C-alpha atoms as a PDB file:
ATOM      1  CA  MET A   1       0.000   0.000   0.000  1.00  0.00           C
ATOM      2  CA  THR A   2       1.429   3.368  -0.963  1.00  0.00           C
ATOM      3  CA  PRO A   3       1.541   6.248   1.533  1.00  0.00           C
ATOM      4  CA  VAL A   4      -1.254   8.002  -0.345  1.00  0.00           C
ATOM      5  CA  GLU A   5      -3.443   4.900  -0.331  1.00  0.00           C
ATOM      6  CA  ARG A   6      -2.771   4.359   3.353  1.00  0.00           C
ATOM      7  CA  CYS A   7      -3.635   7.962   4.147  1.00  0.00           C
ATOM      8  CA  GLU A   8      -6.811   7.781   2.073  1.00  0.00           C
ATOM      9  CA  PHE A   9      -7.797   4.511   3.763  1.00  0.00           C
ATOM     10  CA  GLN A  10      -7.232   5.928   7.247  1.00  0.00           C
ATOM     11  CA  LEU A  11      -9.246   9.069   6.526  1.00  0.00           C
ATOM     12  CA  ARG A  12     -12.081   7.018   5.029  1.00  0.00           C
ATOM     13  CA  LYS A  13     -12.105   4.765   8.089  1.00  0.00           C
ATOM     14  CA  ILE A  14     -12.283   7.786  10.405  1.00  0.00           C
ATOM     15  CA  GLU A  15     -15.133   9.184   8.338  1.00  0.00           C
ATOM     16  CA  GLU A  16     -17.050   5.900   8.637  1.00  0.00           C
ATOM     17  CA  ASN A  17     -16.456   5.902  12.385  1.00  0.00           C
ATOM     18  CA  LEU A  18     -17.777   9.460  12.608  1.00  0.00           C
ATOM     19  CA  GLU A  19     -20.968   8.475  10.824  1.00  0.00           C
ATOM     20  CA  LYS A  20     -21.534   5.677  13.342  1.00  0.00           C
ATOM     21  CA  ILE A  21     -20.826   8.033  16.238  1.00  0.00           C
ATOM     22  CA  LEU A  22     -23.325  10.584  14.913  1.00  0.00           C
ATOM     23  CA  VAL A  23     -25.992   7.888  14.673  1.00  0.00           C
ATOM     24  CA  ASP A  24     -25.183   6.879  18.262  1.00  0.00           C
ATOM     25  CA  ILE A  25     -25.632  10.470  19.448  1.00  0.00           C
ATOM     26  CA  GLU A  26     -29.032  10.765  17.809  1.00  0.00           C
ATOM     27  CA  GLN A  27     -30.166   7.413  19.208  1.00  0.00           C
ATOM     28  CA  VAL A  28     -29.043   8.196  22.763  1.00  0.00           C
ATOM     29  CA  VAL A  29     -30.612  11.659  22.791  1.00  0.00           C
ATOM     30  CA  ALA A  30     -33.850  10.527  21.134  1.00  0.00           C
ATOM     31  CA  LYS A  31     -34.169   7.624  23.558  1.00  0.00           C
ATOM     32  CA  PHE A  32     -33.589   9.943  26.525  1.00  0.00           C
ATOM     33  CA  PHE A  33     -36.249  12.451  25.454  1.00  0.00           C
ATOM     34  CA  ALA A  34     -38.728   9.702  24.550  1.00  0.00           C
ATOM     35  CA  ASP A  35     -38.450   7.783  27.825  1.00  0.00           C
ATOM     36  CA  GLU A  36     -38.704   9.816  31.022  1.00  0.00           C
ATOM     37  CA  THR A  37     -37.999   6.731  33.119  1.00  0.00           C
ATOM     38  CA  LEU A  38     -34.628   6.130  31.448  1.00  0.00           C
ATOM     39  CA  GLU A  39     -31.805   6.170  33.954  1.00  0.00           C
ATOM     40  CA  VAL A  40     -29.924   9.457  33.956  1.00  0.00           C
ATOM     41  CA  LYS A  41     -26.590   7.804  34.646  1.00  0.00           C
ATOM     42  CA  ARG A  42     -27.009   5.501  31.663  1.00  0.00           C
ATOM     43  CA  THR A  43     -27.590   8.461  29.339  1.00  0.00           C
ATOM     44  CA  GLN A  44     -24.696  10.429  30.813  1.00  0.00           C
ATOM     45  CA  TYR A  45     -22.442   7.388  30.479  1.00  0.00           C
ATOM     46  CA  ALA A  46     -23.444   6.917  26.836  1.00  0.00           C
ATOM     47  CA  LEU A  47     -22.709  10.570  26.051  1.00  0.00           C
ATOM     48  CA  ALA A  48     -19.357  10.383  27.833  1.00  0.00           C
ATOM     49  CA  LYS A  49     -18.520   7.263  25.823  1.00  0.00           C
ATOM     50  CA  ILE A  50     -19.356   9.098  22.600  1.00  0.00           C
ATOM     51  CA  GLU A  51     -17.111  11.955  23.689  1.00  0.00           C
ATOM     52  CA  GLU A  52     -14.290   9.438  24.166  1.00  0.00           C
ATOM     53  CA  ASP A  53     -14.980   8.074  20.688  1.00  0.00           C
ATOM     54  CA  PHE A  54     -14.492  11.543  19.224  1.00  0.00           C
ATOM     55  CA  MET A  55     -11.202  11.897  21.079  1.00  0.00           C
ATOM     56  CA  GLN A  56     -10.108   8.530  19.740  1.00  0.00           C
ATOM     57  CA  GLN A  57     -10.849   9.690  16.191  1.00  0.00           C
ATOM     58  CA  LEU A  58      -8.767  12.821  16.780  1.00  0.00           C
ATOM     59  CA  LEU A  59      -5.891  10.649  17.934  1.00  0.00           C
ATOM     60  CA  LEU A  60      -6.256   8.516  14.826  1.00  0.00           C
ATOM     61  CA  CYS A  61      -6.005  11.677  12.737  1.00  0.00           C
ATOM     62  CA  ASP A  62      -2.794  12.581  14.536  1.00  0.00           C
ATOM     63  CA  ASP A  63      -1.365   9.155  13.688  1.00  0.00           C
ATOM     64  CA  ILE A  64      -1.894   9.547   9.950  1.00  0.00           C
ATOM     65  CA  ASP A  65       1.332   9.963   8.013  1.00  0.00           C
ATOM     66  CA  VAL A  66       0.505  12.481   5.326  1.00  0.00           C
ATOM     67  CA  PRO A  67       2.528  12.187   2.123  1.00  0.00           C
ATOM     68  CA  ASP A  68       2.024  15.756   0.898  1.00  0.00           C
ATOM     69  CA  GLU A  69       0.321  19.099   1.504  1.00  0.00           C
ATOM     70  CA  GLU A  70      -2.944  18.036  -0.146  1.00  0.00           C
ATOM     71  CA  TRP A  71      -3.387  15.165   2.323  1.00  0.00           C
ATOM     72  CA  ARG A  72      -2.271  17.349   5.191  1.00  0.00           C
ATOM     73  CA  GLN A  73      -5.100  19.719   4.277  1.00  0.00           C
ATOM     74  CA  LYS A  74      -7.574  16.819   4.124  1.00  0.00           C
ATOM     75  CA  ARG A  75      -6.449  15.697   7.566  1.00  0.00           C
ATOM     76  CA  ARG A  76      -6.956  19.258   8.907  1.00  0.00           C
ATOM     77  CA  GLU A  77     -10.460  19.299   7.455  1.00  0.00           C
ATOM     78  CA  MET A  78     -11.206  15.976   9.121  1.00  0.00           C
ATOM     79  CA  ILE A  79      -9.981  17.328  12.459  1.00  0.00           C
ATOM     80  CA  LYS A  80     -12.198  20.414  12.051  1.00  0.00           C
ATOM     81  CA  THR A  81     -15.140  18.163  11.239  1.00  0.00           C
ATOM     82  CA  ILE A  82     -14.550  16.116  14.377  1.00  0.00           C
ATOM     83  CA  GLN A  83     -14.265  19.269  16.480  1.00  0.00           C
ATOM     84  CA  SER A  84     -17.498  20.568  14.991  1.00  0.00           C
ATOM     85  CA  HIS A  85     -19.240  17.329  15.925  1.00  0.00           C
ATOM     86  CA  GLN A  86     -17.786  17.585  19.429  1.00  0.00           C
ATOM     87  CA  GLN A  87     -19.342  21.029  19.787  1.00  0.00           C
ATOM     88  CA  GLU A  88     -22.678  19.644  18.664  1.00  0.00           C
ATOM     89  CA  LEU A  89     -22.330  16.867  21.219  1.00  0.00           C
ATOM     90  CA  ASP A  90     -21.655  19.483  23.898  1.00  0.00           C
ATOM     91  CA  ARG A  91     -24.880  21.280  22.932  1.00  0.00           C
ATOM     92  CA  LYS A  92     -26.821  18.013  23.132  1.00  0.00           C
ATOM     93  CA  LYS A  93     -25.276  17.227  26.519  1.00  0.00           C
ATOM     94  CA  LYS A  94     -26.299  20.672  27.736  1.00  0.00           C
ATOM     95  CA  GLU A  95     -29.885  20.058  26.574  1.00  0.00           C
ATOM     96  CA  VAL A  96     -29.947  16.683  28.289  1.00  0.00           C
ATOM     97  CA  ASN A  97     -28.505  18.121  31.517  1.00  0.00           C
ATOM     98  CA  THR A  98     -31.121  20.895  31.490  1.00  0.00           C
ATOM     99  CA  VAL A  99     -33.892  18.323  31.168  1.00  0.00           C
ATOM    100  CA  ILE A 100     -32.309  16.201  33.905  1.00  0.00           C
ATOM    101  CA  GLN A 101     -32.198  19.200  36.217  1.00  0.00           C
ATOM    102  CA  LYS A 102     -35.849  20.062  35.491  1.00  0.00           C
ATOM    103  CA  ARG A 103     -36.904  16.464  36.115  1.00  0.00           C
ATOM    104  CA  GLN A 104     -35.013  16.387  39.407  1.00  0.00           C
ATOM    105  CA  GLU A 105     -36.611  19.672  40.481  1.00  0.00           C
ATOM    106  CA  ALA A 106     -40.065  18.331  39.609  1.00  0.00           C
ATOM    107  CA  VAL A 107     -39.426  15.172  41.640  1.00  0.00           C
ATOM    108  CA  ALA A 108     -38.173  17.219  44.609  1.00  0.00           C
ATOM    109  CA  GLU A 109     -41.189  19.509  44.399  1.00  0.00           C
ATOM    110  CA  ALA A 110     -43.533  16.514  44.307  1.00  0.00           C
ATOM    111  CA  ARG A 111     -41.819  15.059  47.380  1.00  0.00           C
ATOM    112  CA  ASP A 112     -42.111  18.376  49.227  1.00  0.00           C
ATOM    113  CA  GLU A 113     -45.781  18.636  48.346  1.00  0.00           C
ATOM    114  CA  GLU A 114     -46.358  15.062  49.449  1.00  0.00           C
ATOM    115  CA  ALA A 115     -44.590  15.757  52.738  1.00  0.00           C
ATOM    116  CA  ARG A 116     -46.722  18.863  53.294  1.00  0.00           C
ATOM    117  CA  ASP A 117     -49.872  16.858  52.633  1.00  0.00           C
ATOM    118  CA  GLU A 118     -48.805  14.239  55.173  1.00  0.00           C
ATOM    119  CA  GLU A 119     -48.308  16.803  57.944  1.00  0.00           C
ATOM    120  CA  GLU A 120     -51.265  16.805  60.285  1.00  0.00           C
ATOM    121  CA  PRO A 121     -52.879  20.237  60.476  1.00  0.00           C
ATOM    122  CA  LEU A 122     -53.243  21.746  63.944  1.00  0.00           C
ATOM    123  CA  ASN A 123     -56.710  22.365  65.261  1.00  0.00           C
ATOM    124  CA  GLU A 124     -57.506  25.908  66.402  1.00  0.00           C
ATOM    125  CA  GLU A 125     -56.790  25.301  70.104  1.00  0.00           C
ATOM    126  CA  GLU A 126     -53.406  23.695  69.406  1.00  0.00           C
ATOM    127  CA  ALA A 127     -52.482  26.593  67.103  1.00  0.00           C
ATOM    128  CA  VAL A 128     -53.355  29.135  69.822  1.00  0.00           C
ATOM    129  CA  GLU A 129     -51.364  27.180  72.430  1.00  0.00           C
ATOM    130  CA  GLU A 130     -48.385  26.924  70.091  1.00  0.00           C
ATOM    131  CA  ALA A 131     -48.518  30.650  69.402  1.00  0.00           C
ATOM    132  CA  ARG A 132     -48.629  31.416  73.164  1.00  0.00           C
ATOM    133  CA  ASP A 133     -45.591  29.259  73.787  1.00  0.00           C
ATOM    134  CA  GLU A 134     -43.617  30.938  71.031  1.00  0.00           C
ATOM    135  CA  GLU A 135     -43.989  34.604  71.977  1.00  0.00           C
ATOM    136  CA  PRO A 136     -43.181  35.789  75.491  1.00  0.00           C
ATOM    137  CA  LEU A 137     -45.584  38.465  76.630  1.00  0.00           C
ATOM    138  CA  ASP A 138     -44.727  41.488  78.722  1.00  0.00           C
ATOM    139  CA  GLU A 139     -46.850  42.323  81.776  1.00  0.00           C
ATOM    140  CA  GLU A 140     -49.120  44.803  80.000  1.00  0.00           C
ATOM    141  CA  ALA A 141     -49.820  42.402  77.124  1.00  0.00           C
ATOM    142  CA  ARG A 142     -50.625  39.615  79.623  1.00  0.00           C
ATOM    143  CA  ASP A 143     -53.138  41.828  81.422  1.00  0.00           C
ATOM    144  CA  GLU A 144     -54.773  42.761  78.126  1.00  0.00           C
ATOM    145  CA  LYS A 145     -54.882  39.124  77.047  1.00  0.00           C
ATOM    146  CA  ALA A 146     -56.430  38.086  80.354  1.00  0.00           C
ATOM    147  CA  ARG A 147     -59.174  40.729  79.949  1.00  0.00           C
ATOM    148  CA  ASP A 148     -59.842  39.508  76.388  1.00  0.00           C
ATOM    149  CA  GLU A 149     -60.211  35.933  77.563  1.00  0.00           C
ATOM    150  CA  GLU A 150     -62.730  36.898  80.269  1.00  0.00           C
END
């Protein structure tokens, strides 16, 4: 295999890998948005794995021995393409993380509401007693309160 053929083969292989990675991104993100019960960690792991795949493709680009300036330029273009896809992945990860945060807030709010519903409301007498215990009264206020109660 000549250096040019080897270079062309390596770039083609990287391009094929990129196409598979892009399909993976779309599948992971679509699956996450379609299924609210999908584990967050599983989605985050899948996106991190895809990020590693991009890095691996960049390293493969670095390993290509370019025979001339034309192939050097093609390798640069491939690197720019990979970096562009990495930026797109970062945007998708940001979207996913925003949704994760909103889902977690909704769950926390539901728990808080459930906890409030479970609290037993005080009857009027208990509320008055609790209020008396909380605020110390000065002598004048006690006299006034005693007159009100009579």
